[in-house]
């Protein structure tokens, strides 16, 4: 079995088993590889959305969390604080078929924490800290918000939002809930327009002033253009006055050949390369496609990619791509 294409390989034995059990004189002999020939568990990372309220299911892998460390918005937390719809980063070991894994640590950082400025229930969009947030059929809402009408959500409410950035820099929300535990604001993204002298930069167009930041947990102790960070603080006159800067949990750069399973929205696609927000991907002639093909690999398409980190440490080689409805 080609374990590099785990997502695709899962479909084959299921289909054969259905044929074997369906009658009609069809006989199927399923031998497959011996157990001794299957690879053992390996190190892996995953970036994706929690799909169940029962256990940690991310990108169709059921992750055991018995000994995992959990961090939420920079603080130690319990597994029970992770909710369906949260986009999380998971690191641990995974089985050869990708069905089960054992998490060493799980990180959730809200992509946005701030006050709702505009609600457009008809177009299913809201604006938070100047950021356009799209609410689609994938979005999970906290118990206080009505999924169909958005009742329970008002301008001025503080919300905690997880999601994926699209090509136009909107945030497609995977979960929206009222925020009652903290008083500040937060945004996750790449640093741009950095001015070291003035100690300011931008994240998704939001100005960030970090001259008062008392906590800076970044490589080399300072932000740089292109770095993925979590900035938290207080919004003043349309700018975030940061009190803390932390490195965001992302799969790149990473360890060469490590398995990575990433969910996201395509933000750029050209020839055999594409971007998942800030994650660079490359397809090959042996890449398997599920629910689509190479021609469907277009901007704003939602995917799950099972691959490995390339020799440059900056790119994921896609072994299997599954298109989401």
Protein backbone atom coordinates (compact mmCIF):
# COMPACT_ATOMS: atom_id res chain seq x y z
CA UNK A 1 0.00 0.00 0.00
CA UNK A 2 1.24 3.49 -0.84
CA UNK A 3 0.98 5.13 2.54
CA UNK A 4 1.85 8.50 1.05
CA UNK A 5 -1.67 8.63 -0.39
CA UNK A 6 -3.52 7.63 2.74
CA UNK A 7 -6.69 9.57 2.05
CA UNK A 8 -7.22 7.90 -1.31
CA UNK A 9 -6.25 4.42 -0.11
CA UNK A 10 -8.99 4.45 2.51
CA UNK A 11 -11.62 4.33 -0.20
CA UNK A 12 -10.33 1.17 -1.90
CA UNK A 13 -10.82 -1.52 0.78
CA UNK A 14 -14.27 -0.11 1.64
CA UNK A 15 -15.38 -0.37 -1.99
CA UNK A 16 -14.03 -3.91 -2.33
CA UNK A 17 -15.72 -5.01 0.87
CA UNK A 18 -19.06 -3.65 -0.36
CA UNK A 19 -18.69 -5.66 -3.57
CA UNK A 20 -17.83 -8.80 -1.65
CA UNK A 21 -20.91 -8.52 0.52
CA UNK A 22 -23.37 -7.42 -2.15
CA UNK A 23 -24.10 -10.86 -3.63
CA UNK A 24 -24.80 -11.38 -7.33
CA UNK A 25 -22.08 -13.94 -7.81
CA UNK A 26 -19.24 -11.45 -7.34
CA UNK A 27 -16.29 -12.88 -5.45
CA UNK A 28 -13.51 -10.61 -4.28
CA UNK A 29 -10.29 -11.85 -2.73
CA UNK A 30 -8.84 -9.19 -0.43
CA UNK A 31 -5.37 -10.05 0.72
CA UNK A 32 -3.41 -6.80 0.76
CA UNK A 33 -0.11 -6.41 2.55
CA UNK A 34 0.77 -8.40 5.62
CA UNK A 35 0.69 -6.56 8.92
CA UNK A 36 4.45 -6.90 9.17
CA UNK A 37 4.89 -4.93 5.92
CA UNK A 38 2.86 -1.92 7.06
CA UNK A 39 4.84 1.10 8.31
CA UNK A 40 4.77 1.92 11.98
CA UNK A 41 3.41 5.11 13.50
CA UNK A 42 5.29 8.23 12.47
CA UNK A 43 5.65 11.84 13.54
CA UNK A 44 2.99 14.07 12.03
CA UNK A 45 1.39 17.46 12.29
CA UNK A 46 -2.14 18.49 11.36
CA UNK A 47 -3.84 21.83 10.85
CA UNK A 48 -7.59 21.61 10.56
CA UNK A 49 -11.02 22.00 12.08
CA UNK A 50 -12.36 19.92 14.96
CA UNK A 51 -15.22 17.97 13.40
CA UNK A 52 -16.90 16.46 16.45
CA UNK A 53 -18.03 17.31 19.94
CA UNK A 54 -16.94 13.82 20.96
CA UNK A 55 -13.16 13.50 20.93
CA UNK A 56 -10.57 15.31 18.87
CA UNK A 57 -11.35 14.50 15.22
CA UNK A 58 -9.26 16.64 12.85
CA UNK A 59 -9.04 15.99 9.09
CA UNK A 60 -10.69 12.58 9.63
CA UNK A 61 -8.01 11.48 12.08
CA UNK A 62 -9.13 10.57 15.60
CA UNK A 63 -6.43 11.95 17.89
CA UNK A 64 -5.93 10.56 21.36
CA UNK A 65 -5.34 13.35 23.86
CA UNK A 66 -4.73 11.45 27.09
CA UNK A 67 -1.24 12.89 27.59
CA UNK A 68 -1.49 15.94 25.32
CA UNK A 69 -0.69 19.48 26.38
CA UNK A 70 -3.41 21.92 25.30
CA UNK A 71 -2.85 25.64 24.78
CA UNK A 72 -5.65 28.09 23.99
CA UNK A 73 -4.77 31.67 23.10
CA UNK A 74 -1.39 31.29 24.77
CA UNK A 75 -2.62 29.77 28.03
CA UNK A 76 -2.67 26.21 29.32
CA UNK A 77 -6.15 24.73 29.02
CA UNK A 78 -8.11 21.50 29.31
CA UNK A 79 -9.19 19.32 26.42
CA UNK A 80 -12.83 20.16 27.20
CA UNK A 81 -12.21 23.79 26.22
CA UNK A 82 -11.65 22.76 22.59
CA UNK A 83 -14.89 22.97 20.59
CA UNK A 84 -16.26 21.75 17.28
CA UNK A 85 -15.31 24.27 14.61
CA UNK A 86 -12.08 25.39 16.27
CA UNK A 87 -9.17 25.38 13.83
CA UNK A 88 -6.34 23.71 15.70
CA UNK A 89 -2.72 22.73 15.24
CA UNK A 90 -1.93 19.18 16.37
CA UNK A 91 1.49 17.56 16.72
CA UNK A 92 2.11 13.95 17.63
CA UNK A 93 2.28 10.53 15.98
CA UNK A 94 -0.10 9.04 13.43
CA UNK A 95 -0.84 5.53 12.15
CA UNK A 96 0.04 4.52 8.57
CA UNK A 97 -3.54 4.84 7.32
CA UNK A 98 -4.15 8.16 9.05
CA UNK A 99 -7.20 6.87 10.92
CA UNK A 100 -5.79 7.36 14.41
CA UNK A 101 -3.11 9.44 16.04
CA UNK A 102 -1.75 10.32 19.43
CA UNK A 103 -1.40 14.04 20.13
CA UNK A 104 1.54 15.44 22.07
CA UNK A 105 0.18 18.95 22.03
CA UNK A 106 -2.82 20.81 20.63
CA UNK A 107 -2.91 24.58 20.04
CA UNK A 108 -5.91 26.79 19.39
CA UNK A 109 -5.44 30.49 18.68
CA UNK A 110 -8.55 32.44 17.73
CA UNK A 111 -8.03 34.14 14.38
CA UNK A 112 -10.02 37.11 15.63
CA UNK A 113 -11.14 38.24 19.06
CA UNK A 114 -12.90 41.58 19.05
CA UNK A 115 -16.15 43.50 18.88
CA UNK A 116 -18.69 43.11 16.10
CA UNK A 117 -18.95 46.34 14.12
CA UNK A 118 -21.42 45.37 11.37
CA UNK A 119 -23.89 42.51 10.92
CA UNK A 120 -25.42 41.72 7.53
CA UNK A 121 -27.67 38.74 8.21
CA UNK A 122 -28.92 38.60 4.61
CA UNK A 123 -25.44 38.16 3.11
CA UNK A 124 -24.25 36.14 6.12
CA UNK A 125 -21.35 38.48 6.79
CA UNK A 126 -20.09 40.44 9.77
CA UNK A 127 -17.22 42.88 10.32
CA UNK A 128 -14.92 42.54 13.33
CA UNK A 129 -11.94 44.88 13.84
CA UNK A 130 -12.28 45.95 10.21
CA UNK A 131 -12.05 42.33 9.04
CA UNK A 132 -14.79 40.91 6.80
CA UNK A 133 -16.01 37.58 8.16
CA UNK A 134 -18.05 35.21 5.97
CA UNK A 135 -20.49 32.79 7.62
CA UNK A 136 -21.10 29.77 5.39
CA UNK A 137 -22.61 26.29 5.74
CA UNK A 138 -19.43 25.06 7.45
CA UNK A 139 -19.61 27.67 10.23
CA UNK A 140 -20.37 26.38 13.73
CA UNK A 141 -21.97 28.84 16.16
CA UNK A 142 -21.77 28.98 19.92
CA UNK A 143 -24.95 28.08 21.83
CA UNK A 144 -25.99 31.72 22.29
CA UNK A 145 -26.23 32.42 18.53
CA UNK A 146 -29.00 31.11 16.29
CA UNK A 147 -27.47 29.42 13.25
CA UNK A 148 -30.22 30.41 10.80
CA UNK A 149 -31.08 33.97 11.86
CA UNK A 150 -27.94 35.06 13.78
CA UNK A 151 -30.20 36.13 16.64
CA UNK A 152 -28.15 36.42 19.79
CA UNK A 153 -25.39 38.25 17.94
CA UNK A 154 -25.44 42.05 18.06
CA UNK A 155 -23.19 44.92 17.09
CA UNK A 156 -20.86 45.63 19.99
CA UNK A 157 -20.71 42.00 21.12
CA UNK A 158 -17.24 40.58 21.66
CA UNK A 159 -16.70 37.42 19.64
CA UNK A 160 -14.11 34.68 19.29
CA UNK A 161 -13.72 33.57 15.65
CA UNK A 162 -11.80 30.71 14.06
CA UNK A 163 -11.50 30.36 10.30
CA UNK A 164 -9.58 30.34 7.02
CA UNK A 165 -8.45 33.34 5.00
CA UNK A 166 -9.60 33.53 1.37
CA UNK A 167 -7.94 35.06 -1.69
CA UNK A 168 -9.51 38.47 -1.01
CA UNK A 169 -8.32 38.32 2.64
CA UNK A 170 -11.79 37.70 4.05
CA UNK A 171 -12.05 35.25 6.95
CA UNK A 172 -14.38 32.30 6.30
CA UNK A 173 -15.46 31.41 9.81
CA UNK A 174 -15.37 27.82 11.02
CA UNK A 175 -16.67 28.80 14.47
CA UNK A 176 -18.17 31.99 15.94
CA UNK A 177 -18.97 32.32 19.62
CA UNK A 178 -19.49 35.08 22.12
CA UNK A 179 -16.27 35.87 24.02
CA UNK A 180 -16.72 36.26 27.76
CA UNK A 181 -13.38 35.17 29.21
CA UNK A 182 -10.99 37.93 28.08
CA UNK A 183 -11.17 41.68 27.64
CA UNK A 184 -8.64 42.31 24.88
CA UNK A 185 -8.47 41.84 21.12
CA UNK A 186 -6.48 39.36 19.03
CA UNK A 187 -5.58 38.72 15.40
CA UNK A 188 -3.54 35.99 13.70
CA UNK A 189 -1.66 36.40 10.43
CA UNK A 190 1.51 37.39 8.63
CA UNK A 191 3.47 40.53 9.45
CA UNK A 192 3.63 43.09 6.65
CA UNK A 193 4.75 46.73 6.27
CA UNK A 194 7.07 46.38 9.27
CA UNK A 195 8.70 49.58 10.56
CA UNK A 196 11.26 48.65 13.22
CA UNK A 197 11.94 52.27 14.11
CA UNK A 198 8.32 53.11 14.88
CA UNK A 199 7.65 49.55 16.13
CA UNK A 200 4.55 49.13 13.97
CA UNK A 201 3.41 46.66 11.31
CA UNK A 202 0.19 45.35 9.78
CA UNK A 203 -1.68 42.03 9.89
CA UNK A 204 -4.36 41.66 7.22
CA UNK A 205 -4.45 45.45 6.91
CA UNK A 206 -4.90 46.05 10.65
CA UNK A 207 -2.21 48.37 12.09
CA UNK A 208 -0.37 46.86 15.07
CA UNK A 209 1.73 48.98 17.43
CA UNK A 210 4.01 46.82 19.58
CA UNK A 211 6.12 49.37 21.45
CA UNK A 212 4.25 48.50 24.67
CA UNK A 213 4.37 44.72 24.20
CA UNK A 214 5.49 43.15 27.48
CA UNK A 215 5.54 39.63 26.03
CA UNK A 216 7.34 38.83 22.78
CA UNK A 217 7.69 35.11 22.09
CA UNK A 218 9.14 35.17 18.58
CA UNK A 219 12.24 33.78 16.87
CA UNK A 220 15.10 36.25 17.49
CA UNK A 221 12.81 38.15 19.84
CA UNK A 222 11.32 40.47 17.21
CA UNK A 223 8.77 40.43 14.38
CA UNK A 224 9.84 40.35 10.74
CA UNK A 225 7.96 40.70 7.48
CA UNK A 226 6.30 37.43 6.48
CA UNK A 227 6.39 35.95 9.99
CA UNK A 228 3.15 34.28 11.15
CA UNK A 229 2.23 35.63 14.56
CA UNK A 230 -0.54 36.03 17.11
CA UNK A 231 -0.92 39.65 18.22
CA UNK A 232 -3.10 40.49 21.21
CA UNK A 233 -3.81 43.75 22.98
CA UNK A 234 -6.33 46.59 22.89
CA UNK A 235 -7.93 48.23 19.86
CA UNK A 236 -7.52 52.02 19.98
CA UNK A 237 -8.68 54.25 17.11
CA UNK A 238 -8.54 51.42 14.60
CA UNK A 239 -5.08 50.14 15.61
CA UNK A 240 -4.16 47.23 17.85
CA UNK A 241 -1.92 48.35 20.71
CA UNK A 242 -0.23 45.02 21.30
CA UNK A 243 0.65 43.76 24.75
CA UNK A 244 1.82 40.35 23.49
CA UNK A 245 3.28 38.90 20.29
CA UNK A 246 3.58 35.13 19.92
CA UNK A 247 4.64 32.87 17.10
CA UNK A 248 1.66 31.24 15.40
CA UNK A 249 1.52 27.45 15.19
CA UNK A 250 1.91 26.60 11.49
CA UNK A 251 3.23 23.48 9.71
CA UNK A 252 5.96 25.36 7.82
CA UNK A 253 8.88 25.59 8.11
CA UNK A 254 9.14 21.99 9.29
CA UNK A 255 11.17 18.80 9.41
CA UNK A 256 11.97 17.34 6.00
CA UNK A 257 9.73 14.39 5.02
CA UNK A 258 7.49 14.76 8.07
CA UNK A 259 3.88 13.91 7.33
CA UNK A 260 1.51 16.87 7.34
CA UNK A 261 -2.29 16.86 6.94
CA UNK A 262 -3.65 20.34 6.35
CA UNK A 263 -7.13 21.72 5.79
CA UNK A 264 -7.63 25.12 4.24
CA UNK A 265 -8.86 27.37 1.45
CA UNK A 266 -6.78 27.90 -1.70
CA UNK A 267 -5.63 31.52 -1.86
CA UNK A 268 -3.36 31.22 -4.91
CA UNK A 269 -3.03 28.61 -7.63
CA UNK A 270 -0.65 28.49 -10.57
CA UNK A 271 0.52 25.45 -12.56
CA UNK A 272 1.40 22.79 -9.98
CA UNK A 273 1.75 25.12 -6.99
CA UNK A 274 -0.84 26.62 -4.70
CA UNK A 275 -1.16 28.38 -1.38
CA UNK A 276 -3.35 27.61 1.62
CA UNK A 277 -3.25 31.08 3.11
CA UNK A 278 0.34 31.00 4.33
CA UNK A 279 1.11 27.33 3.59
CA UNK A 280 2.90 26.58 0.29
CA UNK A 281 1.87 23.38 -1.52
CA UNK A 282 3.05 21.52 -4.61
CA UNK A 283 1.40 18.69 -6.53
CA UNK A 284 3.12 15.98 -8.56
CA UNK A 285 2.26 13.46 -11.25
CA UNK A 286 1.47 10.85 -8.60
CA UNK A 287 -0.80 13.08 -6.48
CA UNK A 288 -4.18 11.42 -5.88
CA UNK A 289 -7.40 13.46 -6.06
CA UNK A 290 -10.66 12.69 -4.24
CA UNK A 291 -13.98 14.35 -5.20
CA UNK A 292 -12.23 16.36 -7.92
CA UNK A 293 -9.14 16.64 -10.10
CA UNK A 294 -6.25 18.99 -10.87
CA UNK A 295 -8.53 21.29 -12.85
CA UNK A 296 -10.63 21.91 -9.73
CA UNK A 297 -7.64 23.23 -7.83
CA UNK A 298 -8.79 26.85 -8.03
CA UNK A 299 -8.81 29.88 -5.76
CA UNK A 300 -11.22 29.73 -2.77
CA UNK A 301 -11.64 25.94 -3.06
CA UNK A 302 -11.64 24.17 0.30
CA UNK A 303 -9.34 21.14 0.55
CA UNK A 304 -7.69 18.63 2.84
CA UNK A 305 -4.13 17.82 1.77
CA UNK A 306 -2.14 14.82 2.99
CA UNK A 307 1.53 15.28 2.17
CA UNK A 308 5.11 15.58 3.34
CA UNK A 309 7.47 18.46 3.91
CA UNK A 310 9.82 18.92 0.97
CA UNK A 311 13.62 19.15 1.14
CA UNK A 312 13.47 22.96 1.30
CA UNK A 313 11.51 22.76 4.55
CA UNK A 314 9.18 25.44 3.17
CA UNK A 315 6.83 23.47 0.92
CA UNK A 316 4.43 20.57 1.38
CA UNK A 317 4.39 17.95 -1.38
CA UNK A 318 0.78 16.87 -1.79
CA UNK A 319 0.33 13.12 -1.98
CA UNK A 320 -3.47 13.14 -1.72
CA UNK A 321 -5.96 16.00 -2.08
CA UNK A 322 -9.59 15.75 -1.02
CA UNK A 323 -12.02 18.43 -2.17
CA UNK A 324 -14.63 19.48 0.38
CA UNK A 325 -18.27 20.10 -0.60
